[in-house]
Amino acid sequence: MATVELRFTPLPEHVRTARLVGAAMARRAGVADAALDEVRLAVGEACTRAVGLHQLHEVAEPVQVRLIEDEKQFSIEVVDEAPHAVPADIEAGTAGLPVTEDPEGEDEMGLAVISGLVDDVQVKTGESGGLIRMSWPTATLA
């Protein structure tokens, strides 16, 4: 299992770099070429969401992106350190994903876009931050 971790200051201009690295690692891991645009878009949405939450809550800590290559799947985890409602207080939103306290609705929209792009997505949130884990199958070599 190979893992690459990116950490970047929560500024929108760094999202492009995370998107490019995510797509390059996905290609290297064996994700189907047809899914690479989905990977790129999903990473961009997740990172944009994390940057927005950091800016909204004035969190200076870096956004973390983990790119994980397993034997049969490639996963990307985007971690933010912005406070979210505690899980017991979250009601289900679009596609069963949690809704956070975003006055503009951008958080919920970003999660809806991600769930539309990625079949295997998990969202975890708490008082100390959140995590979006997205996974894609990789080609197995015979």
Protein backbone atom coordinates (compact mmCIF):
# COMPACT_ATOMS: atom_id res chain seq x y z
CA MET A 1 0.00 0.00 0.00
CA ALA A 2 1.46 3.34 -1.09
CA THR A 3 0.29 6.62 0.41
CA VAL A 4 1.10 10.17 -0.63
CA GLU A 5 0.03 13.05 1.60
CA LEU A 6 -0.38 16.67 0.54
CA ARG A 7 -0.86 19.52 2.97
CA PHE A 8 -1.66 22.99 1.71
CA THR A 9 -2.63 26.39 3.07
CA PRO A 10 -6.41 26.80 2.76
CA LEU A 11 -6.32 29.04 -0.30
CA PRO A 12 -8.30 28.41 -3.51
CA GLU A 13 -5.20 28.61 -5.71
CA HIS A 14 -3.84 25.38 -4.18
CA VAL A 15 -6.91 23.31 -5.17
CA ARG A 16 -5.68 23.02 -8.77
CA THR A 17 -2.44 21.39 -7.62
CA ALA A 18 -4.33 18.85 -5.49
CA ARG A 19 -6.59 18.08 -8.47
CA LEU A 20 -3.64 17.47 -10.79
CA VAL A 21 -1.76 15.31 -8.28
CA GLY A 22 -4.91 13.31 -7.55
CA ALA A 23 -5.51 12.56 -11.23
CA ALA A 24 -1.85 11.67 -11.84
CA MET A 25 -1.79 9.28 -8.88
CA ALA A 26 -5.10 7.73 -9.96
CA ARG A 27 -3.70 7.06 -13.45
CA ARG A 28 -0.55 5.53 -11.93
CA ALA A 29 -2.64 3.35 -9.58
CA GLY A 30 -4.61 1.89 -12.49
CA VAL A 31 -7.92 3.75 -12.30
CA ALA A 32 -9.71 3.46 -15.66
CA ASP A 33 -8.99 6.33 -18.05
CA ALA A 34 -12.74 6.96 -18.35
CA ALA A 35 -12.88 7.74 -14.60
CA LEU A 36 -9.92 10.15 -14.45
CA ASP A 37 -12.06 13.23 -15.15
CA GLU A 38 -14.38 12.15 -12.33
CA VAL A 39 -11.38 11.81 -10.00
CA ARG A 40 -10.13 15.26 -10.96
CA LEU A 41 -13.55 16.88 -10.47
CA ALA A 42 -14.27 15.06 -7.19
CA VAL A 43 -10.89 16.03 -5.70
CA GLY A 44 -11.47 19.62 -6.78
CA GLU A 45 -14.92 19.70 -5.15
CA ALA A 46 -13.70 18.11 -1.92
CA CYS A 47 -10.70 20.44 -1.66
CA THR A 48 -12.77 23.52 -2.53
CA ARG A 49 -15.23 22.51 0.21
CA ALA A 50 -12.41 22.08 2.74
CA VAL A 51 -10.83 25.42 1.81
CA GLY A 52 -14.22 27.15 2.09
CA LEU A 53 -14.88 25.64 5.52
CA HIS A 54 -11.42 26.66 6.74
CA GLN A 55 -11.98 30.21 5.53
CA LEU A 56 -15.53 30.38 6.93
CA HIS A 57 -14.36 29.28 10.38
CA GLU A 58 -11.03 31.14 10.17
CA VAL A 59 -8.96 27.96 10.53
CA ALA A 60 -5.33 28.52 9.52
CA GLU A 61 -4.30 24.84 9.70
CA PRO A 62 -3.53 23.21 6.34
CA VAL A 63 -5.99 21.10 4.37
CA GLN A 64 -4.77 17.51 4.11
CA VAL A 65 -5.15 15.26 1.08
CA ARG A 66 -4.15 11.58 1.33
CA LEU A 67 -3.82 9.54 -1.86
CA ILE A 68 -3.89 5.84 -1.00
CA GLU A 69 -3.08 3.07 -3.48
CA ASP A 70 -4.29 -0.36 -2.39
CA GLU A 71 -4.21 -3.64 -4.28
CA LYS A 72 -7.72 -3.31 -5.74
CA GLN A 73 -8.69 0.33 -5.19
CA PHE A 74 -7.40 3.88 -5.16
CA SER A 75 -8.70 6.20 -2.44
CA ILE A 76 -8.43 9.91 -1.77
CA GLU A 77 -9.11 11.40 1.65
CA VAL A 78 -9.62 15.13 2.06
CA VAL A 79 -9.39 16.26 5.68
CA ASP A 80 -10.47 19.62 7.03
CA GLU A 81 -10.08 20.94 10.56
CA ALA A 82 -13.13 23.20 10.56
CA PRO A 83 -15.72 22.59 13.28
CA HIS A 84 -18.86 20.75 12.19
CA ALA A 85 -22.03 19.96 14.09
CA VAL A 86 -21.59 16.84 16.22
CA PRO A 87 -22.78 13.74 14.30
CA ALA A 88 -25.86 13.24 16.52
CA ASP A 89 -27.08 16.71 15.53
CA ILE A 90 -26.67 16.23 11.78
CA GLU A 91 -29.68 15.40 9.66
CA ALA A 92 -29.35 13.47 6.41
CA GLY A 93 -29.09 15.59 3.30
CA THR A 94 -28.69 14.81 -0.39
CA ALA A 95 -27.89 11.14 -1.04
CA GLY A 96 -27.80 10.49 2.72
CA LEU A 97 -24.77 12.73 3.22
CA PRO A 98 -24.68 14.99 6.27
CA VAL A 99 -25.66 18.63 6.12
CA THR A 100 -23.43 21.11 7.94
CA GLU A 101 -24.20 24.64 9.03
CA ASP A 102 -23.34 26.40 5.75
CA PRO A 103 -25.38 29.58 5.30
CA GLU A 104 -24.83 29.67 1.55
CA GLY A 105 -25.67 25.99 0.92
CA GLU A 106 -22.32 25.51 -0.84
CA ASP A 107 -21.28 22.71 1.51
CA GLU A 108 -24.39 20.67 0.75
CA MET A 109 -24.04 21.38 -2.98
CA GLY A 110 -20.40 20.28 -2.96
CA LEU A 111 -21.31 17.02 -1.22
CA ALA A 112 -24.11 16.43 -3.75
CA VAL A 113 -21.68 16.93 -6.65
CA ILE A 114 -19.14 14.57 -5.08
CA SER A 115 -21.78 11.88 -4.48
CA GLY A 116 -22.84 12.22 -8.12
CA LEU A 117 -19.27 11.72 -9.33
CA VAL A 118 -18.09 8.96 -6.99
CA ASP A 119 -19.88 5.67 -6.33
CA ASP A 120 -17.92 4.92 -3.15
CA VAL A 121 -17.85 8.01 -0.91
CA GLN A 122 -17.85 8.34 2.87
CA VAL A 123 -18.25 11.57 4.82
CA LYS A 124 -17.36 11.89 8.49
CA THR A 125 -17.72 15.12 10.45
CA GLY A 126 -17.25 16.21 14.03
CA GLU A 127 -16.42 19.14 16.25
CA SER A 128 -12.72 18.96 15.32
CA GLY A 129 -13.07 18.59 11.56
CA GLY A 130 -14.25 16.41 8.74
CA LEU A 131 -13.09 13.78 6.27
CA ILE A 132 -14.29 12.85 2.80
CA ARG A 133 -13.03 9.47 1.55
CA MET A 134 -13.56 8.66 -2.13
CA SER A 135 -12.56 5.34 -3.72
CA TRP A 136 -12.32 3.96 -7.24
CA PRO A 137 -11.51 0.43 -8.40
CA THR A 138 -8.18 -0.19 -10.08
CA ALA A 139 -7.38 -2.53 -12.93
CA THR A 140 -5.94 -5.84 -11.79
CA LEU A 141 -3.00 -7.21 -13.71
CA ALA A 142 -3.33 -10.81 -14.82
